[in-house]
């Protein structure tokens, strides 16, 4: 159970402390990663090689045009191994997954509906994730009440990353409220997406109900 990484992923989201537009969180250096660097990433785009920052970010190219209600933002959480490196590339599964997600977001491939993504780095692992073998990637959707957009984002993720297991969606509101499964809170995730591209939502009893979308 990789609880430490999930905790790190959500408790250190400083970029959303203010309730303004997400575009306010984009620094000049982050703007520079938009474009060709998605295809030819340097060490700053490889989570396992980033030791100065806990997170690497990618923003949708049209984020400047968006009016985003921060109370409706949520994210798909992806967990990949960040310990075992490929001998040929020197990259972990977490690194490879991030490169694909980064490209998906920066290029807005097939209108993925992901407004922002971030990946935990080697620094995050050393500080928050002792004993864990996974890194986390958060893929943000602007409006969790729009089930079509939520599913569209998850479908896009599965097109670029092979995931045999379900992935889970959590709202930022739940994070701000301190709702964590490892602290005993049940039914924290709002949505579940399966390898068959089916979207499930919890009903009033906490049971998963398949949505017809």
C-alpha atoms as a PDB file:
ATOM      1  CA  UNK A   1       0.000   0.000   0.000  1.00  0.00           C
ATOM      2  CA  UNK A   2       1.653   3.216  -1.181  1.00  0.00           C
ATOM      3  CA  UNK A   3       0.006   5.610   1.219  1.00  0.00           C
ATOM      4  CA  UNK A   4       3.001   7.917   1.807  1.00  0.00           C
ATOM      5  CA  UNK A   5       3.178   8.960  -1.833  1.00  0.00           C
ATOM      6  CA  UNK A   6      -0.541   9.694  -2.044  1.00  0.00           C
ATOM      7  CA  UNK A   7      -0.279  11.820   1.066  1.00  0.00           C
ATOM      8  CA  UNK A   8       2.603  13.743  -0.459  1.00  0.00           C
ATOM      9  CA  UNK A   9       0.661  14.201  -3.674  1.00  0.00           C
ATOM     10  CA  UNK A  10      -2.192  15.959  -1.987  1.00  0.00           C
ATOM     11  CA  UNK A  11      -0.864  17.699   1.102  1.00  0.00           C
ATOM     12  CA  UNK A  12       1.806  19.624  -0.816  1.00  0.00           C
ATOM     13  CA  UNK A  13      -0.411  21.226  -3.456  1.00  0.00           C
ATOM     14  CA  UNK A  14       0.807  24.743  -2.654  1.00  0.00           C
ATOM     15  CA  UNK A  15      -0.048  25.918  -6.129  1.00  0.00           C
ATOM     16  CA  UNK A  16      -3.732  25.826  -5.240  1.00  0.00           C
ATOM     17  CA  UNK A  17      -3.692  27.680  -1.914  1.00  0.00           C
ATOM     18  CA  UNK A  18      -5.133  30.771  -3.531  1.00  0.00           C
ATOM     19  CA  UNK A  19      -8.619  30.588  -5.017  1.00  0.00           C
ATOM     20  CA  UNK A  20      -7.780  32.569  -8.137  1.00  0.00           C
ATOM     21  CA  UNK A  21      -7.249  31.461 -11.707  1.00  0.00           C
ATOM     22  CA  UNK A  22      -4.879  28.555 -12.254  1.00  0.00           C
ATOM     23  CA  UNK A  23      -2.991  30.635 -14.737  1.00  0.00           C
ATOM     24  CA  UNK A  24      -1.586  32.585 -11.775  1.00  0.00           C
ATOM     25  CA  UNK A  25       0.386  29.480 -10.854  1.00  0.00           C
ATOM     26  CA  UNK A  26       2.295  29.366 -14.137  1.00  0.00           C
ATOM     27  CA  UNK A  27       5.769  30.831 -13.764  1.00  0.00           C
ATOM     28  CA  UNK A  28       8.009  31.881 -16.613  1.00  0.00           C
ATOM     29  CA  UNK A  29      10.084  28.738 -16.268  1.00  0.00           C
ATOM     30  CA  UNK A  30       7.014  26.542 -16.495  1.00  0.00           C
ATOM     31  CA  UNK A  31       5.890  28.346 -19.624  1.00  0.00           C
ATOM     32  CA  UNK A  32       9.197  27.401 -21.207  1.00  0.00           C
ATOM     33  CA  UNK A  33       8.425  23.680 -21.070  1.00  0.00           C
ATOM     34  CA  UNK A  34       5.487  24.106 -23.411  1.00  0.00           C
ATOM     35  CA  UNK A  35       6.402  22.987 -26.914  1.00  0.00           C
ATOM     36  CA  UNK A  36       9.345  20.948 -28.123  1.00  0.00           C
ATOM     37  CA  UNK A  37      10.579  19.987 -24.682  1.00  0.00           C
ATOM     38  CA  UNK A  38       7.680  17.576 -24.380  1.00  0.00           C
ATOM     39  CA  UNK A  39       9.331  15.502 -27.107  1.00  0.00           C
ATOM     40  CA  UNK A  40      12.956  15.991 -26.062  1.00  0.00           C
ATOM     41  CA  UNK A  41      12.798  16.317 -22.268  1.00  0.00           C
ATOM     42  CA  UNK A  42      15.831  17.393 -20.266  1.00  0.00           C
ATOM     43  CA  UNK A  43      16.559  16.379 -16.682  1.00  0.00           C
ATOM     44  CA  UNK A  44      13.930  18.844 -15.441  1.00  0.00           C
ATOM     45  CA  UNK A  45      11.259  16.766 -17.186  1.00  0.00           C
ATOM     46  CA  UNK A  46      12.414  13.475 -15.682  1.00  0.00           C
ATOM     47  CA  UNK A  47      11.012  12.992 -12.162  1.00  0.00           C
ATOM     48  CA  UNK A  48      13.771  10.649 -10.962  1.00  0.00           C
ATOM     49  CA  UNK A  49      16.424  13.245 -11.874  1.00  0.00           C
ATOM     50  CA  UNK A  50      14.738  16.263 -10.284  1.00  0.00           C
ATOM     51  CA  UNK A  51      16.252  16.854  -6.843  1.00  0.00           C
ATOM     52  CA  UNK A  52      15.509  20.564  -6.328  1.00  0.00           C
ATOM     53  CA  UNK A  53      11.710  20.616  -6.601  1.00  0.00           C
ATOM     54  CA  UNK A  54       9.099  18.155  -5.271  1.00  0.00           C
ATOM     55  CA  UNK A  55       6.918  18.532  -8.376  1.00  0.00           C
ATOM     56  CA  UNK A  56       7.214  18.841 -12.135  1.00  0.00           C
ATOM     57  CA  UNK A  57       4.277  20.566 -13.853  1.00  0.00           C
ATOM     58  CA  UNK A  58       2.672  20.649 -17.275  1.00  0.00           C
ATOM     59  CA  UNK A  59      -0.142  23.017 -18.259  1.00  0.00           C
ATOM     60  CA  UNK A  60      -2.583  22.861 -21.152  1.00  0.00           C
ATOM     61  CA  UNK A  61      -1.649  25.398 -23.867  1.00  0.00           C
ATOM     62  CA  UNK A  62      -5.063  27.065 -23.672  1.00  0.00           C
ATOM     63  CA  UNK A  63      -5.121  27.455 -19.899  1.00  0.00           C
ATOM     64  CA  UNK A  64      -4.790  31.243 -20.275  1.00  0.00           C
ATOM     65  CA  UNK A  65      -8.189  31.269 -21.967  1.00  0.00           C
ATOM     66  CA  UNK A  66      -9.955  29.303 -19.246  1.00  0.00           C
ATOM     67  CA  UNK A  67     -12.168  30.584 -16.461  1.00  0.00           C
ATOM     68  CA  UNK A  68     -11.735  27.877 -13.856  1.00  0.00           C
ATOM     69  CA  UNK A  69     -13.758  27.499 -10.674  1.00  0.00           C
ATOM     70  CA  UNK A  70     -11.235  26.055  -8.224  1.00  0.00           C
ATOM     71  CA  UNK A  71     -14.044  24.551  -6.118  1.00  0.00           C
ATOM     72  CA  UNK A  72     -14.873  22.182  -8.990  1.00  0.00           C
ATOM     73  CA  UNK A  73     -11.362  20.980  -9.793  1.00  0.00           C
ATOM     74  CA  UNK A  74     -10.412  17.330  -9.295  1.00  0.00           C
ATOM     75  CA  UNK A  75      -7.723  14.916 -10.409  1.00  0.00           C
ATOM     76  CA  UNK A  76      -7.049  11.406 -11.617  1.00  0.00           C
ATOM     77  CA  UNK A  77      -4.266   9.811  -9.549  1.00  0.00           C
ATOM     78  CA  UNK A  78      -1.742   7.564 -11.291  1.00  0.00           C
ATOM     79  CA  UNK A  79       0.814   5.506  -9.372  1.00  0.00           C
ATOM     80  CA  UNK A  80       3.885   4.047 -11.081  1.00  0.00           C
ATOM     81  CA  UNK A  81       7.095   2.419  -9.844  1.00  0.00           C
ATOM     82  CA  UNK A  82       9.819   5.001  -9.269  1.00  0.00           C
ATOM     83  CA  UNK A  83      12.571   2.683  -8.051  1.00  0.00           C
ATOM     84  CA  UNK A  84      13.386   0.189 -10.811  1.00  0.00           C
ATOM     85  CA  UNK A  85      15.174   1.738 -13.789  1.00  0.00           C
ATOM     86  CA  UNK A  86      15.369   0.358 -17.303  1.00  0.00           C
ATOM     87  CA  UNK A  87      18.965  -0.601 -18.131  1.00  0.00           C
ATOM     88  CA  UNK A  88      18.665   0.776 -21.660  1.00  0.00           C
ATOM     89  CA  UNK A  89      17.190   4.189 -20.830  1.00  0.00           C
ATOM     90  CA  UNK A  90      17.919   4.674 -17.144  1.00  0.00           C
ATOM     91  CA  UNK A  91      14.284   5.697 -16.660  1.00  0.00           C
ATOM     92  CA  UNK A  92      11.672   4.347 -14.263  1.00  0.00           C
ATOM     93  CA  UNK A  93       8.071   3.502 -15.108  1.00  0.00           C
ATOM     94  CA  UNK A  94       7.140   6.733 -13.335  1.00  0.00           C
ATOM     95  CA  UNK A  95       9.509   8.699 -15.591  1.00  0.00           C
ATOM     96  CA  UNK A  96       8.125   7.139 -18.757  1.00  0.00           C
ATOM     97  CA  UNK A  97       4.532   7.652 -17.662  1.00  0.00           C
ATOM     98  CA  UNK A  98       5.241  11.307 -16.937  1.00  0.00           C
ATOM     99  CA  UNK A  99       6.826  11.902 -20.343  1.00  0.00           C
ATOM    100  CA  UNK A 100       3.678  10.597 -21.998  1.00  0.00           C
ATOM    101  CA  UNK A 101       1.326  12.556 -19.742  1.00  0.00           C
ATOM    102  CA  UNK A 102       3.420  15.700 -20.152  1.00  0.00           C
ATOM    103  CA  UNK A 103       3.211  15.417 -23.936  1.00  0.00           C
ATOM    104  CA  UNK A 104      -0.513  14.700 -23.741  1.00  0.00           C
ATOM    105  CA  UNK A 105      -1.138  17.848 -21.703  1.00  0.00           C
ATOM    106  CA  UNK A 106       1.268  20.233 -23.420  1.00  0.00           C
ATOM    107  CA  UNK A 107       0.045  19.301 -26.881  1.00  0.00           C
ATOM    108  CA  UNK A 108      -3.594  18.928 -25.803  1.00  0.00           C
ATOM    109  CA  UNK A 109      -3.644  15.677 -27.761  1.00  0.00           C
ATOM    110  CA  UNK A 110      -7.150  14.859 -29.009  1.00  0.00           C
ATOM    111  CA  UNK A 111      -8.532  17.543 -26.676  1.00  0.00           C
ATOM    112  CA  UNK A 112      -7.732  15.446 -23.610  1.00  0.00           C
ATOM    113  CA  UNK A 113      -9.596  17.772 -21.189  1.00  0.00           C
ATOM    114  CA  UNK A 114      -6.648  17.750 -18.779  1.00  0.00           C
ATOM    115  CA  UNK A 115      -5.915  21.324 -17.737  1.00  0.00           C
ATOM    116  CA  UNK A 116      -2.796  20.541 -15.732  1.00  0.00           C
ATOM    117  CA  UNK A 117      -0.670  17.627 -14.591  1.00  0.00           C
ATOM    118  CA  UNK A 118       2.101  17.237 -12.062  1.00  0.00           C
ATOM    119  CA  UNK A 119       4.503  14.452 -11.127  1.00  0.00           C
ATOM    120  CA  UNK A 120       6.269  13.787  -7.846  1.00  0.00           C
ATOM    121  CA  UNK A 121      10.056  13.875  -8.110  1.00  0.00           C
ATOM    122  CA  UNK A 122      13.106  12.318  -6.493  1.00  0.00           C
ATOM    123  CA  UNK A 123      13.025  15.124  -3.938  1.00  0.00           C
ATOM    124  CA  UNK A 124       9.417  14.346  -3.042  1.00  0.00           C
ATOM    125  CA  UNK A 125      10.272  10.668  -2.697  1.00  0.00           C
ATOM    126  CA  UNK A 126      13.183  11.390  -0.361  1.00  0.00           C
ATOM    127  CA  UNK A 127      11.141  13.707   1.857  1.00  0.00           C
ATOM    128  CA  UNK A 128       7.655  12.228   1.921  1.00  0.00           C
ATOM    129  CA  UNK A 129       7.751   8.700   0.570  1.00  0.00           C
ATOM    130  CA  UNK A 130      10.156   6.654   2.627  1.00  0.00           C
ATOM    131  CA  UNK A 131       9.425   2.975   2.125  1.00  0.00           C
ATOM    132  CA  UNK A 132       7.259   3.526  -0.935  1.00  0.00           C
ATOM    133  CA  UNK A 133       8.153   2.294  -4.409  1.00  0.00           C
ATOM    134  CA  UNK A 134       5.708   4.508  -6.306  1.00  0.00           C
ATOM    135  CA  UNK A 135       5.591   8.027  -7.626  1.00  0.00           C
ATOM    136  CA  UNK A 136       2.329   9.823  -8.278  1.00  0.00           C
ATOM    137  CA  UNK A 137       1.034  11.764 -11.267  1.00  0.00           C
ATOM    138  CA  UNK A 138      -2.020  13.985 -10.841  1.00  0.00           C
ATOM    139  CA  UNK A 139      -4.079  14.765 -13.943  1.00  0.00           C
ATOM    140  CA  UNK A 140      -6.433  17.679 -13.262  1.00  0.00           C
ATOM    141  CA  UNK A 141      -9.902  18.237 -14.724  1.00  0.00           C
ATOM    142  CA  UNK A 142     -11.585  21.650 -14.505  1.00  0.00           C
ATOM    143  CA  UNK A 143     -15.077  20.508 -13.489  1.00  0.00           C
ATOM    144  CA  UNK A 144     -15.699  17.232 -11.674  1.00  0.00           C
ATOM    145  CA  UNK A 145     -19.464  17.694 -12.070  1.00  0.00           C
ATOM    146  CA  UNK A 146     -19.027  17.297 -15.839  1.00  0.00           C
ATOM    147  CA  UNK A 147     -18.854  13.517 -16.096  1.00  0.00           C
ATOM    148  CA  UNK A 148     -18.157  13.670 -19.813  1.00  0.00           C
ATOM    149  CA  UNK A 149     -14.967  15.689 -19.253  1.00  0.00           C
ATOM    150  CA  UNK A 150     -13.926  13.472 -16.345  1.00  0.00           C
ATOM    151  CA  UNK A 151     -14.255  10.336 -18.490  1.00  0.00           C
ATOM    152  CA  UNK A 152     -12.643  12.005 -21.494  1.00  0.00           C
ATOM    153  CA  UNK A 153      -9.547  12.776 -19.440  1.00  0.00           C
ATOM    154  CA  UNK A 154      -9.278   9.214 -18.131  1.00  0.00           C
ATOM    155  CA  UNK A 155      -9.783   7.772 -21.615  1.00  0.00           C
ATOM    156  CA  UNK A 156      -6.956   9.987 -22.875  1.00  0.00           C
ATOM    157  CA  UNK A 157      -4.648   8.826 -20.088  1.00  0.00           C
ATOM    158  CA  UNK A 158      -5.253   5.186 -20.950  1.00  0.00           C
ATOM    159  CA  UNK A 159      -4.510   5.847 -24.614  1.00  0.00           C
ATOM    160  CA  UNK A 160      -0.961   6.875 -23.778  1.00  0.00           C
ATOM    161  CA  UNK A 161      -0.255   4.657 -20.756  1.00  0.00           C
ATOM    162  CA  UNK A 162      -1.018   0.954 -20.393  1.00  0.00           C
ATOM    163  CA  UNK A 163      -2.923   0.588 -17.123  1.00  0.00           C
ATOM    164  CA  UNK A 164      -4.443  -2.777 -16.302  1.00  0.00           C
ATOM    165  CA  UNK A 165      -5.879  -1.634 -12.975  1.00  0.00           C
ATOM    166  CA  UNK A 166      -8.625   0.890 -12.216  1.00  0.00           C
ATOM    167  CA  UNK A 167      -7.636   4.502 -11.603  1.00  0.00           C
ATOM    168  CA  UNK A 168      -9.375   6.771  -9.124  1.00  0.00           C
ATOM    169  CA  UNK A 169     -10.507  10.397  -9.123  1.00  0.00           C
ATOM    170  CA  UNK A 170     -10.561  12.690  -6.118  1.00  0.00           C
ATOM    171  CA  UNK A 171     -11.810  16.253  -5.856  1.00  0.00           C
ATOM    172  CA  UNK A 172      -9.588  19.054  -4.611  1.00  0.00           C
ATOM    173  CA  UNK A 173     -12.347  19.897  -2.133  1.00  0.00           C
ATOM    174  CA  UNK A 174     -11.906  16.471  -0.539  1.00  0.00           C
ATOM    175  CA  UNK A 175      -8.169  17.073  -0.330  1.00  0.00           C
ATOM    176  CA  UNK A 176      -8.589  20.494   1.291  1.00  0.00           C
ATOM    177  CA  UNK A 177     -10.986  18.900   3.794  1.00  0.00           C
ATOM    178  CA  UNK A 178      -8.288  16.426   4.819  1.00  0.00           C
ATOM    179  CA  UNK A 179     -10.138  13.375   3.554  1.00  0.00           C
ATOM    180  CA  UNK A 180      -7.630  10.530   3.200  1.00  0.00           C
ATOM    181  CA  UNK A 181      -8.289   6.816   3.079  1.00  0.00           C
ATOM    182  CA  UNK A 182      -5.160   6.015   5.101  1.00  0.00           C
ATOM    183  CA  UNK A 183      -6.600   8.134   7.931  1.00  0.00           C
ATOM    184  CA  UNK A 184      -9.682   5.960   8.025  1.00  0.00           C
ATOM    185  CA  UNK A 185     -11.931   7.995   5.761  1.00  0.00           C
ATOM    186  CA  UNK A 186     -14.001   5.738   3.515  1.00  0.00           C
ATOM    187  CA  UNK A 187     -15.208   6.418  -0.018  1.00  0.00           C
ATOM    188  CA  UNK A 188     -12.724   9.212  -0.646  1.00  0.00           C
ATOM    189  CA  UNK A 189     -12.624   8.685  -4.414  1.00  0.00           C
ATOM    190  CA  UNK A 190     -15.516  10.150  -6.397  1.00  0.00           C
ATOM    191  CA  UNK A 191     -14.971   8.254  -9.655  1.00  0.00           C
ATOM    192  CA  UNK A 192     -13.334   5.042 -10.827  1.00  0.00           C
ATOM    193  CA  UNK A 193     -12.219   4.332 -14.396  1.00  0.00           C
ATOM    194  CA  UNK A 194     -11.531   0.763 -15.554  1.00  0.00           C
ATOM    195  CA  UNK A 195      -9.344  -0.758 -18.275  1.00  0.00           C
ATOM    196  CA  UNK A 196     -12.501  -1.135 -20.386  1.00  0.00           C
ATOM    197  CA  UNK A 197     -12.878   2.672 -20.357  1.00  0.00           C
ATOM    198  CA  UNK A 198     -15.958   2.456 -18.161  1.00  0.00           C
ATOM    199  CA  UNK A 199     -16.622   5.234 -15.662  1.00  0.00           C
ATOM    200  CA  UNK A 200     -18.128   4.492 -12.258  1.00  0.00           C
ATOM    201  CA  UNK A 201     -19.461   6.925  -9.670  1.00  0.00           C
ATOM    202  CA  UNK A 202     -20.239   6.271  -6.018  1.00  0.00           C
ATOM    203  CA  UNK A 203     -23.903   6.227  -5.081  1.00  0.00           C
ATOM    204  CA  UNK A 204     -25.357   7.481  -1.806  1.00  0.00           C
ATOM    205  CA  UNK A 205     -24.367   4.191  -0.141  1.00  0.00           C
ATOM    206  CA  UNK A 206     -20.757   4.382  -1.263  1.00  0.00           C
ATOM    207  CA  UNK A 207     -21.173   1.668  -3.883  1.00  0.00           C
ATOM    208  CA  UNK A 208     -19.800   1.970  -7.396  1.00  0.00           C
ATOM    209  CA  UNK A 209     -22.402   2.598 -10.084  1.00  0.00           C
ATOM    210  CA  UNK A 210     -21.522   2.388 -13.778  1.00  0.00           C
ATOM    211  CA  UNK A 211     -22.375   5.516 -15.749  1.00  0.00           C
ATOM    212  CA  UNK A 212     -23.840   5.303 -19.236  1.00  0.00           C
ATOM    213  CA  UNK A 213     -21.810   7.899 -21.138  1.00  0.00           C
END
